[in-house]
Amino acid sequence: MFSFGIISYSWWYFLANGVQRAASDGARAAIAGLDAGERQSLATTKATDNLRAVGSYNMQQAQVAVVEQSNRLTVTVTYDTAGLSIVRLPFVPAPPQRIVQRASILLGGM
């Protein structure tokens, strides 16, 4: 049971790390945008491409949100692990079902 718990949480941590990387890369990509629409498009595309590149994500379970307020842009990537049996073992306490990771950047310099 202990070994299954290690495997389950390791897989969840692998997914959470990938979600954070997608949010961070999406925020970095947004810096190149000239206006809010372009920044949102760049961030969403980069974050989605990152998740697809790993190959372990069901893209139906992923959401990318980009919010720009005053001089800050925040990319939030959410992934729902409900359909993953390796993370939802009946005899091991389960990690959180939703993985939510954020990354922010300042716009317009320091």
PDB file of N, CA and C in Angstrom:
ATOM      1  N   MET A   1       0.825  -1.182   0.000  1.00  0.00           N
ATOM      2  CA  MET A   1       0.000   0.000   0.000  1.00  0.00           C
ATOM      3  C   MET A   1       0.880   1.262   0.000  1.00  0.00           C
ATOM      4  N   PHE A   2       1.960   1.221   0.761  1.00  0.00           N
ATOM      5  CA  PHE A   2       2.873   2.358   0.822  1.00  0.00           C
ATOM      6  C   PHE A   2       3.479   2.639  -0.556  1.00  0.00           C
ATOM      7  N   SER A   3       3.866   1.593  -1.270  1.00  0.00           N
ATOM      8  CA  SER A   3       4.448   1.750  -2.612  1.00  0.00           C
ATOM      9  C   SER A   3       3.446   2.361  -3.584  1.00  0.00           C
ATOM     10  N   PHE A   4       2.194   1.908  -3.517  1.00  0.00           N
ATOM     11  CA  PHE A   4       1.168   2.487  -4.381  1.00  0.00           C
ATOM     12  C   PHE A   4       0.939   3.955  -4.059  1.00  0.00           C
ATOM     13  N   GLY A   5       1.019   4.305  -2.780  1.00  0.00           N
ATOM     14  CA  GLY A   5       0.886   5.703  -2.376  1.00  0.00           C
ATOM     15  C   GLY A   5       2.005   6.555  -2.954  1.00  0.00           C
ATOM     16  N   ILE A   6       3.221   6.030  -2.921  1.00  0.00           N
ATOM     17  CA  ILE A   6       4.356   6.756  -3.495  1.00  0.00           C
ATOM     18  C   ILE A   6       4.169   6.953  -4.991  1.00  0.00           C
ATOM     19  N   ILE A   7       3.727   5.916  -5.679  1.00  0.00           N
ATOM     20  CA  ILE A   7       3.503   6.012  -7.128  1.00  0.00           C
ATOM     21  C   ILE A   7       2.399   7.008  -7.439  1.00  0.00           C
ATOM     22  N   SER A   8       1.315   6.950  -6.686  1.00  0.00           N
ATOM     23  CA  SER A   8       0.178   7.846  -6.920  1.00  0.00           C
ATOM     24  C   SER A   8       0.573   9.309  -6.733  1.00  0.00           C
ATOM     25  N   TYR A   9       1.230   9.611  -5.622  1.00  0.00           N
ATOM     26  CA  TYR A   9       1.628  10.995  -5.358  1.00  0.00           C
ATOM     27  C   TYR A   9       2.748  11.457  -6.286  1.00  0.00           C
ATOM     28  N   SER A  10       3.612  10.556  -6.687  1.00  0.00           N
ATOM     29  CA  SER A  10       4.663  10.918  -7.648  1.00  0.00           C
ATOM     30  C   SER A  10       4.054  11.311  -8.984  1.00  0.00           C
ATOM     31  N   TRP A  11       3.061  10.573  -9.425  1.00  0.00           N
ATOM     32  CA  TRP A  11       2.390  10.896 -10.682  1.00  0.00           C
ATOM     33  C   TRP A  11       1.672  12.237 -10.574  1.00  0.00           C
ATOM     34  N   TRP A  12       0.988  12.470  -9.435  1.00  0.00           N
ATOM     35  CA  TRP A  12       0.303  13.744  -9.225  1.00  0.00           C
ATOM     36  C   TRP A  12       1.321  14.894  -9.234  1.00  0.00           C
ATOM     37  N   TYR A  13       2.456  14.709  -8.563  1.00  0.00           N
ATOM     38  CA  TYR A  13       3.492  15.744  -8.530  1.00  0.00           C
ATOM     39  C   TYR A  13       4.051  15.999  -9.923  1.00  0.00           C
ATOM     40  N   PHE A  14       4.244  14.957 -10.719  1.00  0.00           N
ATOM     41  CA  PHE A  14       4.694  15.105 -12.103  1.00  0.00           C
ATOM     42  C   PHE A  14       3.703  15.973 -12.883  1.00  0.00           C
ATOM     43  N   LEU A  15       2.409  15.707 -12.746  1.00  0.00           N
ATOM     44  CA  LEU A  15       1.385  16.496 -13.429  1.00  0.00           C
ATOM     45  C   LEU A  15       1.377  17.944 -12.936  1.00  0.00           C
ATOM     46  N   ALA A  16       1.474  18.134 -11.624  1.00  0.00           N
ATOM     47  CA  ALA A  16       1.466  19.485 -11.056  1.00  0.00           C
ATOM     48  C   ALA A  16       2.676  20.288 -11.526  1.00  0.00           C
ATOM     49  N   ASN A  17       3.825  19.646 -11.625  1.00  0.00           N
ATOM     50  CA  ASN A  17       5.025  20.317 -12.108  1.00  0.00           C
ATOM     51  C   ASN A  17       4.850  20.752 -13.558  1.00  0.00           C
ATOM     52  N   GLY A  18       4.257  19.899 -14.382  1.00  0.00           N
ATOM     53  CA  GLY A  18       4.008  20.247 -15.779  1.00  0.00           C
ATOM     54  C   GLY A  18       3.011  21.383 -15.924  1.00  0.00           C
ATOM     55  N   VAL A  19       2.002  21.405 -15.065  1.00  0.00           N
ATOM     56  CA  VAL A  19       1.016  22.492 -15.090  1.00  0.00           C
ATOM     57  C   VAL A  19       1.687  23.809 -14.706  1.00  0.00           C
ATOM     58  N   GLN A  20       2.567  23.785 -13.695  1.00  0.00           N
ATOM     59  CA  GLN A  20       3.283  25.004 -13.316  1.00  0.00           C
ATOM     60  C   GLN A  20       4.206  25.475 -14.434  1.00  0.00           C
ATOM     61  N   ARG A  21       4.875  24.547 -15.067  1.00  0.00           N
ATOM     62  CA  ARG A  21       5.770  24.903 -16.174  1.00  0.00           C
ATOM     63  C   ARG A  21       4.976  25.529 -17.326  1.00  0.00           C
ATOM     64  N   ALA A  22       3.790  24.997 -17.605  1.00  0.00           N
ATOM     65  CA  ALA A  22       2.942  25.553 -18.661  1.00  0.00           C
ATOM     66  C   ALA A  22       2.517  26.973 -18.319  1.00  0.00           C
ATOM     67  N   ALA A  23       2.142  27.217 -17.064  1.00  0.00           N
ATOM     68  CA  ALA A  23       1.745  28.567 -16.649  1.00  0.00           C
ATOM     69  C   ALA A  23       2.927  29.531 -16.746  1.00  0.00           C
ATOM     70  N   SER A  24       4.087  29.112 -16.295  1.00  0.00           N
ATOM     71  CA  SER A  24       5.277  29.974 -16.333  1.00  0.00           C
ATOM     72  C   SER A  24       5.693  30.290 -17.767  1.00  0.00           C
ATOM     73  N   ASP A  25       5.712  29.284 -18.623  1.00  0.00           N
ATOM     74  CA  ASP A  25       6.094  29.524 -20.017  1.00  0.00           C
ATOM     75  C   ASP A  25       5.059  30.375 -20.737  1.00  0.00           C
ATOM     76  N   GLY A  26       3.791  30.197 -20.402  1.00  0.00           N
ATOM     77  CA  GLY A  26       2.745  31.038 -20.983  1.00  0.00           C
ATOM     78  C   GLY A  26       2.927  32.494 -20.593  1.00  0.00           C
ATOM     79  N   ALA A  27       3.259  32.738 -19.336  1.00  0.00           N
ATOM     80  CA  ALA A  27       3.484  34.114 -18.876  1.00  0.00           C
ATOM     81  C   ALA A  27       4.712  34.724 -19.557  1.00  0.00           C
ATOM     82  N   ARG A  28       5.774  33.948 -19.685  1.00  0.00           N
ATOM     83  CA  ARG A  28       6.979  34.460 -20.359  1.00  0.00           C
ATOM     84  C   ARG A  28       6.706  34.779 -21.825  1.00  0.00           C
ATOM     85  N   ALA A  29       5.912  33.934 -22.487  1.00  0.00           N
ATOM     86  CA  ALA A  29       5.606  34.163 -23.899  1.00  0.00           C
ATOM     87  C   ALA A  29       4.769  35.430 -24.088  1.00  0.00           C
ATOM     88  N   ALA A  30       3.957  35.772 -23.099  1.00  0.00           N
ATOM     89  CA  ALA A  30       3.082  36.934 -23.208  1.00  0.00           C
ATOM     90  C   ALA A  30       3.850  38.254 -23.248  1.00  0.00           C
ATOM     91  N   ILE A  31       5.069  38.256 -22.777  1.00  0.00           N
ATOM     92  CA  ILE A  31       5.866  39.488 -22.750  1.00  0.00           C
ATOM     93  C   ILE A  31       6.014  40.078 -24.153  1.00  0.00           C
ATOM     94  N   ALA A  32       6.053  39.225 -25.169  1.00  0.00           N
ATOM     95  CA  ALA A  32       6.268  39.684 -26.546  1.00  0.00           C
ATOM     96  C   ALA A  32       5.037  40.354 -27.149  1.00  0.00           C
ATOM     97  N   GLY A  33       3.880  40.247 -26.507  1.00  0.00           N
ATOM     98  CA  GLY A  33       2.656  40.818 -27.061  1.00  0.00           C
ATOM     99  C   GLY A  33       2.640  42.337 -27.014  1.00  0.00           C
ATOM    100  N   LEU A  34       2.099  42.941 -28.073  1.00  0.00           N
ATOM    101  CA  LEU A  34       2.038  44.398 -28.139  1.00  0.00           C
ATOM    102  C   LEU A  34       0.779  44.967 -27.504  1.00  0.00           C
ATOM    103  N   ASP A  35      -0.289  44.181 -27.449  1.00  0.00           N
ATOM    104  CA  ASP A  35      -1.524  44.637 -26.811  1.00  0.00           C
ATOM    105  C   ASP A  35      -2.118  43.478 -26.004  1.00  0.00           C
ATOM    106  N   ALA A  36      -3.203  43.757 -25.274  1.00  0.00           N
ATOM    107  CA  ALA A  36      -3.785  42.752 -24.383  1.00  0.00           C
ATOM    108  C   ALA A  36      -4.238  41.504 -25.135  1.00  0.00           C
ATOM    109  N   GLY A  37      -4.848  41.664 -26.284  1.00  0.00           N
ATOM    110  CA  GLY A  37      -5.318  40.528 -27.062  1.00  0.00           C
ATOM    111  C   GLY A  37      -4.188  39.639 -27.530  1.00  0.00           C
ATOM    112  N   GLU A  38      -3.122  40.266 -27.998  1.00  0.00           N
ATOM    113  CA  GLU A  38      -1.971  39.487 -28.467  1.00  0.00           C
ATOM    114  C   GLU A  38      -1.279  38.781 -27.307  1.00  0.00           C
ATOM    115  N   ARG A  39      -1.166  39.459 -26.163  1.00  0.00           N
ATOM    116  CA  ARG A  39      -0.555  38.826 -24.989  1.00  0.00           C
ATOM    117  C   ARG A  39      -1.382  37.615 -24.547  1.00  0.00           C
ATOM    118  N   GLN A  40      -2.696  37.749 -24.544  1.00  0.00           N
ATOM    119  CA  GLN A  40      -3.557  36.637 -24.145  1.00  0.00           C
ATOM    120  C   GLN A  40      -3.413  35.462 -25.109  1.00  0.00           C
ATOM    121  N   SER A  41      -3.372  35.755 -26.387  1.00  0.00           N
ATOM    122  CA  SER A  41      -3.227  34.696 -27.391  1.00  0.00           C
ATOM    123  C   SER A  41      -1.884  33.981 -27.255  1.00  0.00           C
ATOM    124  N   LEU A  42      -0.818  34.742 -27.097  1.00  0.00           N
ATOM    125  CA  LEU A  42       0.512  34.143 -26.942  1.00  0.00           C
ATOM    126  C   LEU A  42       0.598  33.264 -25.695  1.00  0.00           C
ATOM    127  N   ALA A  43       0.073  33.773 -24.587  1.00  0.00           N
ATOM    128  CA  ALA A  43       0.130  33.026 -23.329  1.00  0.00           C
ATOM    129  C   ALA A  43      -0.687  31.741 -23.406  1.00  0.00           C
ATOM    130  N   THR A  44      -1.885  31.830 -23.936  1.00  0.00           N
ATOM    131  CA  THR A  44      -2.758  30.656 -24.038  1.00  0.00           C
ATOM    132  C   THR A  44      -2.156  29.602 -24.962  1.00  0.00           C
ATOM    133  N   THR A  45      -1.657  30.042 -26.095  1.00  0.00           N
ATOM    134  CA  THR A  45      -1.063  29.108 -27.055  1.00  0.00           C
ATOM    135  C   THR A  45       0.151  28.408 -26.466  1.00  0.00           C
ATOM    136  N   LYS A  46       1.035  29.153 -25.825  1.00  0.00           N
ATOM    137  CA  LYS A  46       2.259  28.566 -25.263  1.00  0.00           C
ATOM    138  C   LYS A  46       1.939  27.589 -24.132  1.00  0.00           C
ATOM    139  N   ALA A  47       1.022  27.971 -23.248  1.00  0.00           N
ATOM    140  CA  ALA A  47       0.668  27.086 -22.131  1.00  0.00           C
ATOM    141  C   ALA A  47       0.026  25.792 -22.640  1.00  0.00           C
ATOM    142  N   THR A  48      -0.867  25.917 -23.610  1.00  0.00           N
ATOM    143  CA  THR A  48      -1.525  24.742 -24.183  1.00  0.00           C
ATOM    144  C   THR A  48      -0.524  23.854 -24.910  1.00  0.00           C
ATOM    145  N   ASP A  49       0.370  24.461 -25.684  1.00  0.00           N
ATOM    146  CA  ASP A  49       1.400  23.693 -26.391  1.00  0.00           C
ATOM    147  C   ASP A  49       2.298  22.939 -25.413  1.00  0.00           C
ATOM    148  N   ASN A  50       2.625  23.567 -24.283  1.00  0.00           N
ATOM    149  CA  ASN A  50       3.455  22.903 -23.268  1.00  0.00           C
ATOM    150  C   ASN A  50       2.778  21.650 -22.729  1.00  0.00           C
ATOM    151  N   LEU A  51       1.491  21.746 -22.438  1.00  0.00           N
ATOM    152  CA  LEU A  51       0.767  20.587 -21.921  1.00  0.00           C
ATOM    153  C   LEU A  51       0.692  19.475 -22.965  1.00  0.00           C
ATOM    154  N   ARG A  52       0.451  19.856 -24.215  1.00  0.00           N
ATOM    155  CA  ARG A  52       0.379  18.860 -25.291  1.00  0.00           C
ATOM    156  C   ARG A  52       1.728  18.172 -25.507  1.00  0.00           C
ATOM    157  N   ALA A  53       2.824  18.907 -25.365  1.00  0.00           N
ATOM    158  CA  ALA A  53       4.158  18.359 -25.618  1.00  0.00           C
ATOM    159  C   ALA A  53       4.506  17.246 -24.633  1.00  0.00           C
ATOM    160  N   VAL A  54       4.018  17.336 -23.423  1.00  0.00           N
ATOM    161  CA  VAL A  54       4.315  16.305 -22.429  1.00  0.00           C
ATOM    162  C   VAL A  54       3.618  15.002 -22.805  1.00  0.00           C
ATOM    163  N   GLY A  55       2.394  15.100 -23.324  1.00  0.00           N
ATOM    164  CA  GLY A  55       1.676  13.921 -23.780  1.00  0.00           C
ATOM    165  C   GLY A  55       0.912  13.174 -22.704  1.00  0.00           C
ATOM    166  N   SER A  56       1.037  13.562 -21.454  1.00  0.00           N
ATOM    167  CA  SER A  56       0.356  12.865 -20.369  1.00  0.00           C
ATOM    168  C   SER A  56      -0.961  13.528 -19.968  1.00  0.00           C
ATOM    169  N   TYR A  57      -1.308  14.618 -20.626  1.00  0.00           N
ATOM    170  CA  TYR A  57      -2.481  15.389 -20.241  1.00  0.00           C
ATOM    171  C   TYR A  57      -3.638  15.154 -21.200  1.00  0.00           C
ATOM    172  N   ASN A  58      -4.825  14.975 -20.638  1.00  0.00           N
ATOM    173  CA  ASN A  58      -6.049  14.961 -21.425  1.00  0.00           C
ATOM    174  C   ASN A  58      -6.464  16.424 -21.571  1.00  0.00           C
ATOM    175  N   MET A  59      -6.380  16.955 -22.759  1.00  0.00           N
ATOM    176  CA  MET A  59      -6.610  18.386 -22.955  1.00  0.00           C
ATOM    177  C   MET A  59      -8.058  18.789 -22.674  1.00  0.00           C
ATOM    178  N   GLN A  60      -8.970  17.825 -22.603  1.00  0.00           N
ATOM    179  CA  GLN A  60     -10.351  18.122 -22.220  1.00  0.00           C
ATOM    180  C   GLN A  60     -10.434  18.495 -20.739  1.00  0.00           C
ATOM    181  N   GLN A  61      -9.452  18.095 -19.970  1.00  0.00           N
ATOM    182  CA  GLN A  61      -9.425  18.348 -18.532  1.00  0.00           C
ATOM    183  C   GLN A  61      -8.638  19.613 -18.171  1.00  0.00           C
ATOM    184  N   ALA A  62      -8.009  20.245 -19.157  1.00  0.00           N
ATOM    185  CA  ALA A  62      -7.145  21.411 -18.896  1.00  0.00           C
ATOM    186  C   ALA A  62      -7.848  22.704 -19.256  1.00  0.00           C
ATOM    187  N   GLN A  63      -7.571  23.745 -18.486  1.00  0.00           N
ATOM    188  CA  GLN A  63      -8.081  25.090 -18.757  1.00  0.00           C
ATOM    189  C   GLN A  63      -6.948  26.089 -18.565  1.00  0.00           C
ATOM    190  N   VAL A  64      -6.893  27.058 -19.466  1.00  0.00           N
ATOM    191  CA  VAL A  64      -5.902  28.128 -19.362  1.00  0.00           C
ATOM    192  C   VAL A  64      -6.663  29.446 -19.319  1.00  0.00           C
ATOM    193  N   ALA A  65      -6.373  30.252 -18.305  1.00  0.00           N
ATOM    194  CA  ALA A  65      -7.004  31.569 -18.176  1.00  0.00           C
ATOM    195  C   ALA A  65      -5.909  32.623 -18.074  1.00  0.00           C
ATOM    196  N   VAL A  66      -6.099  33.717 -18.789  1.00  0.00           N
ATOM    197  CA  VAL A  66      -5.141  34.827 -18.765  1.00  0.00           C
ATOM    198  C   VAL A  66      -5.888  36.073 -18.311  1.00  0.00           C
ATOM    199  N   VAL A  67      -5.395  36.704 -17.244  1.00  0.00           N
ATOM    200  CA  VAL A  67      -6.015  37.914 -16.714  1.00  0.00           C
ATOM    201  C   VAL A  67      -4.970  39.013 -16.685  1.00  0.00           C
ATOM    202  N   GLU A  68      -5.331  40.149 -17.239  1.00  0.00           N
ATOM    203  CA  GLU A  68      -4.434  41.302 -17.240  1.00  0.00           C
ATOM    204  C   GLU A  68      -5.101  42.429 -16.469  1.00  0.00           C
ATOM    205  N   GLN A  69      -4.470  42.841 -15.382  1.00  0.00           N
ATOM    206  CA  GLN A  69      -4.976  43.934 -14.564  1.00  0.00           C
ATOM    207  C   GLN A  69      -3.859  44.943 -14.363  1.00  0.00           C
ATOM    208  N   SER A  70      -4.152  46.193 -14.663  1.00  0.00           N
ATOM    209  CA  SER A  70      -3.200  47.308 -14.614  1.00  0.00           C
ATOM    210  C   SER A  70      -1.870  46.904 -15.238  1.00  0.00           C
ATOM    211  N   ASN A  71      -0.832  46.671 -14.452  1.00  0.00           N
ATOM    212  CA  ASN A  71       0.481  46.356 -15.031  1.00  0.00           C
ATOM    213  C   ASN A  71       0.917  44.921 -14.764  1.00  0.00           C
ATOM    214  N   ARG A  72      -0.031  44.024 -14.512  1.00  0.00           N
ATOM    215  CA  ARG A  72       0.310  42.632 -14.203  1.00  0.00           C
ATOM    216  C   ARG A  72      -0.532  41.691 -15.054  1.00  0.00           C
ATOM    217  N   LEU A  73       0.133  40.673 -15.601  1.00  0.00           N
ATOM    218  CA  LEU A  73      -0.546  39.631 -16.361  1.00  0.00           C
ATOM    219  C   LEU A  73      -0.371  38.317 -15.604  1.00  0.00           C
ATOM    220  N   THR A  74      -1.467  37.619 -15.372  1.00  0.00           N
ATOM    221  CA  THR A  74      -1.432  36.357 -14.646  1.00  0.00           C
ATOM    222  C   THR A  74      -2.004  35.254 -15.517  1.00  0.00           C
ATOM    223  N   VAL A  75      -1.246  34.182 -15.642  1.00  0.00           N
ATOM    224  CA  VAL A  75      -1.691  32.996 -16.369  1.00  0.00           C
ATOM    225  C   VAL A  75      -2.018  31.925 -15.329  1.00  0.00           C
ATOM    226  N   THR A  76      -3.239  31.398 -15.391  1.00  0.00           N
ATOM    227  CA  THR A  76      -3.670  30.338 -14.488  1.00  0.00           C
ATOM    228  C   THR A  76      -3.982  29.099 -15.313  1.00  0.00           C
ATOM    229  N   VAL A  77      -3.332  27.997 -14.985  1.00  0.00           N
ATOM    230  CA  VAL A  77      -3.579  26.727 -15.661  1.00  0.00           C
ATOM    231  C   VAL A  77      -4.188  25.779 -14.635  1.00  0.00           C
ATOM    232  N   THR A  78      -5.335  25.201 -14.995  1.00  0.00           N
ATOM    233  CA  THR A  78      -6.050  24.276 -14.125  1.00  0.00           C
ATOM    234  C   THR A  78      -6.148  22.929 -14.824  1.00  0.00           C
ATOM    235  N   TYR A  79      -5.901  21.868 -14.073  1.00  0.00           N
ATOM    236  CA  TYR A  79      -6.023  20.524 -14.627  1.00  0.00           C
ATOM    237  C   TYR A  79      -6.788  19.652 -13.644  1.00  0.00           C
ATOM    238  N   ASP A  80      -7.789  18.949 -14.140  1.00  0.00           N
ATOM    239  CA  ASP A  80      -8.634  18.081 -13.321  1.00  0.00           C
ATOM    240  C   ASP A  80      -8.165  16.634 -13.468  1.00  0.00           C
ATOM    241  N   THR A  81      -7.776  16.033 -12.359  1.00  0.00           N
ATOM    242  CA  THR A  81      -7.248  14.666 -12.390  1.00  0.00           C
ATOM    243  C   THR A  81      -8.310  13.610 -12.109  1.00  0.00           C
ATOM    244  N   ALA A  82      -9.581  13.976 -12.171  1.00  0.00           N
ATOM    245  CA  ALA A  82     -10.667  13.059 -11.802  1.00  0.00           C
ATOM    246  C   ALA A  82     -10.641  11.761 -12.600  1.00  0.00           C
ATOM    247  N   GLY A  83     -10.281  11.805 -13.853  1.00  0.00           N
ATOM    248  CA  GLY A  83     -10.312  10.610 -14.688  1.00  0.00           C
ATOM    249  C   GLY A  83      -9.077   9.732 -14.611  1.00  0.00           C
ATOM    250  N   LEU A  84      -8.107  10.107 -13.825  1.00  0.00           N
ATOM    251  CA  LEU A  84      -6.856   9.336 -13.750  1.00  0.00           C
ATOM    252  C   LEU A  84      -6.917   8.320 -12.609  1.00  0.00           C
ATOM    253  N   SER A  85      -6.985   7.059 -12.962  1.00  0.00           N
ATOM    254  CA  SER A  85      -7.101   6.022 -11.934  1.00  0.00           C
ATOM    255  C   SER A  85      -5.830   5.892 -11.100  1.00  0.00           C
ATOM    256  N   ILE A  86      -4.670   6.197 -11.663  1.00  0.00           N
ATOM    257  CA  ILE A  86      -3.407   6.073 -10.913  1.00  0.00           C
ATOM    258  C   ILE A  86      -3.343   7.077  -9.761  1.00  0.00           C
ATOM    259  N   VAL A  87      -4.057   8.197  -9.906  1.00  0.00           N
ATOM    260  CA  VAL A  87      -4.068   9.220  -8.858  1.00  0.00           C
ATOM    261  C   VAL A  87      -5.233   8.982  -7.902  1.00  0.00           C
ATOM    262  N   ARG A  88      -6.203   8.204  -8.294  1.00  0.00           N
ATOM    263  CA  ARG A  88      -7.414   7.957  -7.506  1.00  0.00           C
ATOM    264  C   ARG A  88      -7.508   6.495  -7.073  1.00  0.00           C
ATOM    265  N   LEU A  89      -6.516   6.017  -6.382  1.00  0.00           N
ATOM    266  CA  LEU A  89      -6.544   4.642  -5.895  1.00  0.00           C
ATOM    267  C   LEU A  89      -7.476   4.566  -4.683  1.00  0.00           C
ATOM    268  N   PRO A  90      -8.349   3.556  -4.610  1.00  0.00           N
ATOM    269  CA  PRO A  90      -9.353   3.500  -3.543  1.00  0.00           C
ATOM    270  C   PRO A  90      -8.775   3.253  -2.146  1.00  0.00           C
ATOM    271  N   PHE A  91      -7.586   2.708  -2.054  1.00  0.00           N
ATOM    272  CA  PHE A  91      -7.020   2.355  -0.751  1.00  0.00           C
ATOM    273  C   PHE A  91      -5.892   3.288  -0.311  1.00  0.00           C
ATOM    274  N   VAL A  92      -5.690   4.386  -1.055  1.00  0.00           N
ATOM    275  CA  VAL A  92      -4.646   5.357  -0.722  1.00  0.00           C
ATOM    276  C   VAL A  92      -5.307   6.734  -0.621  1.00  0.00           C
ATOM    277  N   PRO A  93      -5.016   7.505   0.412  1.00  0.00           N
ATOM    278  CA  PRO A  93      -5.573   8.860   0.470  1.00  0.00           C
ATOM    279  C   PRO A  93      -5.175   9.635  -0.787  1.00  0.00           C
ATOM    280  N   ALA A  94      -6.156  10.234  -1.420  1.00  0.00           N
ATOM    281  CA  ALA A  94      -5.928  10.872  -2.721  1.00  0.00           C
ATOM    282  C   ALA A  94      -5.416  12.300  -2.577  1.00  0.00           C
ATOM    283  N   PRO A  95      -4.523  12.710  -3.471  1.00  0.00           N
ATOM    284  CA  PRO A  95      -4.105  14.111  -3.528  1.00  0.00           C
ATOM    285  C   PRO A  95      -5.262  14.952  -4.060  1.00  0.00           C
ATOM    286  N   PRO A  96      -5.152  16.270  -4.025  1.00  0.00           N
ATOM    287  CA  PRO A  96      -6.239  17.121  -4.523  1.00  0.00           C
ATOM    288  C   PRO A  96      -6.613  16.774  -5.968  1.00  0.00           C
ATOM    289  N   GLN A  97      -7.905  16.833  -6.253  1.00  0.00           N
ATOM    290  CA  GLN A  97      -8.392  16.476  -7.588  1.00  0.00           C
ATOM    291  C   GLN A  97      -8.030  17.527  -8.625  1.00  0.00           C
ATOM    292  N   ARG A  98      -8.078  18.794  -8.246  1.00  0.00           N
ATOM    293  CA  ARG A  98      -7.763  19.867  -9.191  1.00  0.00           C
ATOM    294  C   ARG A  98      -6.381  20.423  -8.903  1.00  0.00           C
ATOM    295  N   ILE A  99      -5.604  20.525  -9.960  1.00  0.00           N
ATOM    296  CA  ILE A  99      -4.284  21.150  -9.872  1.00  0.00           C
ATOM    297  C   ILE A  99      -4.435  22.555 -10.454  1.00  0.00           C
ATOM    298  N   VAL A 100      -4.124  23.562  -9.658  1.00  0.00           N
ATOM    299  CA  VAL A 100      -4.219  24.950 -10.112  1.00  0.00           C
ATOM    300  C   VAL A 100      -2.863  25.603  -9.869  1.00  0.00           C
ATOM    301  N   GLN A 101      -2.254  26.096 -10.941  1.00  0.00           N
ATOM    302  CA  GLN A 101      -0.953  26.765 -10.844  1.00  0.00           C
ATOM    303  C   GLN A 101      -1.030  28.111 -11.552  1.00  0.00           C
ATOM    304  N   ARG A 102      -0.322  29.099 -11.004  1.00  0.00           N
ATOM    305  CA  ARG A 102      -0.350  30.449 -11.569  1.00  0.00           C
ATOM    306  C   ARG A 102       1.075  30.972 -11.763  1.00  0.00           C
ATOM    307  N   ALA A 103       1.183  31.877 -12.729  1.00  0.00           N
ATOM    308  CA  ALA A 103       2.427  32.603 -12.942  1.00  0.00           C
ATOM    309  C   ALA A 103       2.068  34.024 -13.348  1.00  0.00           C
ATOM    310  N   SER A 104       2.792  35.001 -12.817  1.00  0.00           N
ATOM    311  CA  SER A 104       2.521  36.411 -13.121  1.00  0.00           C
ATOM    312  C   SER A 104       3.760  37.090 -13.641  1.00  0.00           C
ATOM    313  N   ILE A 105       3.532  38.091 -14.475  1.00  0.00           N
ATOM    314  CA  ILE A 105       4.619  38.934 -14.956  1.00  0.00           C
ATOM    315  C   ILE A 105       4.184  40.384 -14.841  1.00  0.00           C
ATOM    316  N   LEU A 106       5.158  41.259 -14.692  1.00  0.00           N
ATOM    317  CA  LEU A 106       4.892  42.693 -14.707  1.00  0.00           C
ATOM    318  C   LEU A 106       4.992  43.190 -16.137  1.00  0.00           C
ATOM    319  N   LEU A 107       4.084  44.064 -16.523  1.00  0.00           N
ATOM    320  CA  LEU A 107       4.097  44.632 -17.862  1.00  0.00           C
ATOM    321  C   LEU A 107       4.669  46.040 -17.809  1.00  0.00           C
ATOM    322  N   GLY A 108       5.356  46.417 -18.848  1.00  0.00           N
ATOM    323  CA  GLY A 108       5.857  47.788 -18.937  1.00  0.00           C
ATOM    324  C   GLY A 108       7.132  48.050 -18.170  1.00  0.00           C
ATOM    325  N   GLY A 109       7.903  47.049 -17.907  1.00  0.00           N
ATOM    326  CA  GLY A 109       9.189  47.236 -17.238  1.00  0.00           C
ATOM    327  C   GLY A 109       9.054  47.249 -15.747  1.00  0.00           C
ATOM    328  N   MET A 110      10.112  47.614 -15.084  1.00  0.00           N
ATOM    329  CA  MET A 110      10.142  47.599 -13.621  1.00  0.00           C
ATOM    330  C   MET A 110       9.451  48.791 -13.128  1.00  0.00           C
TER     331      MET A 110
END
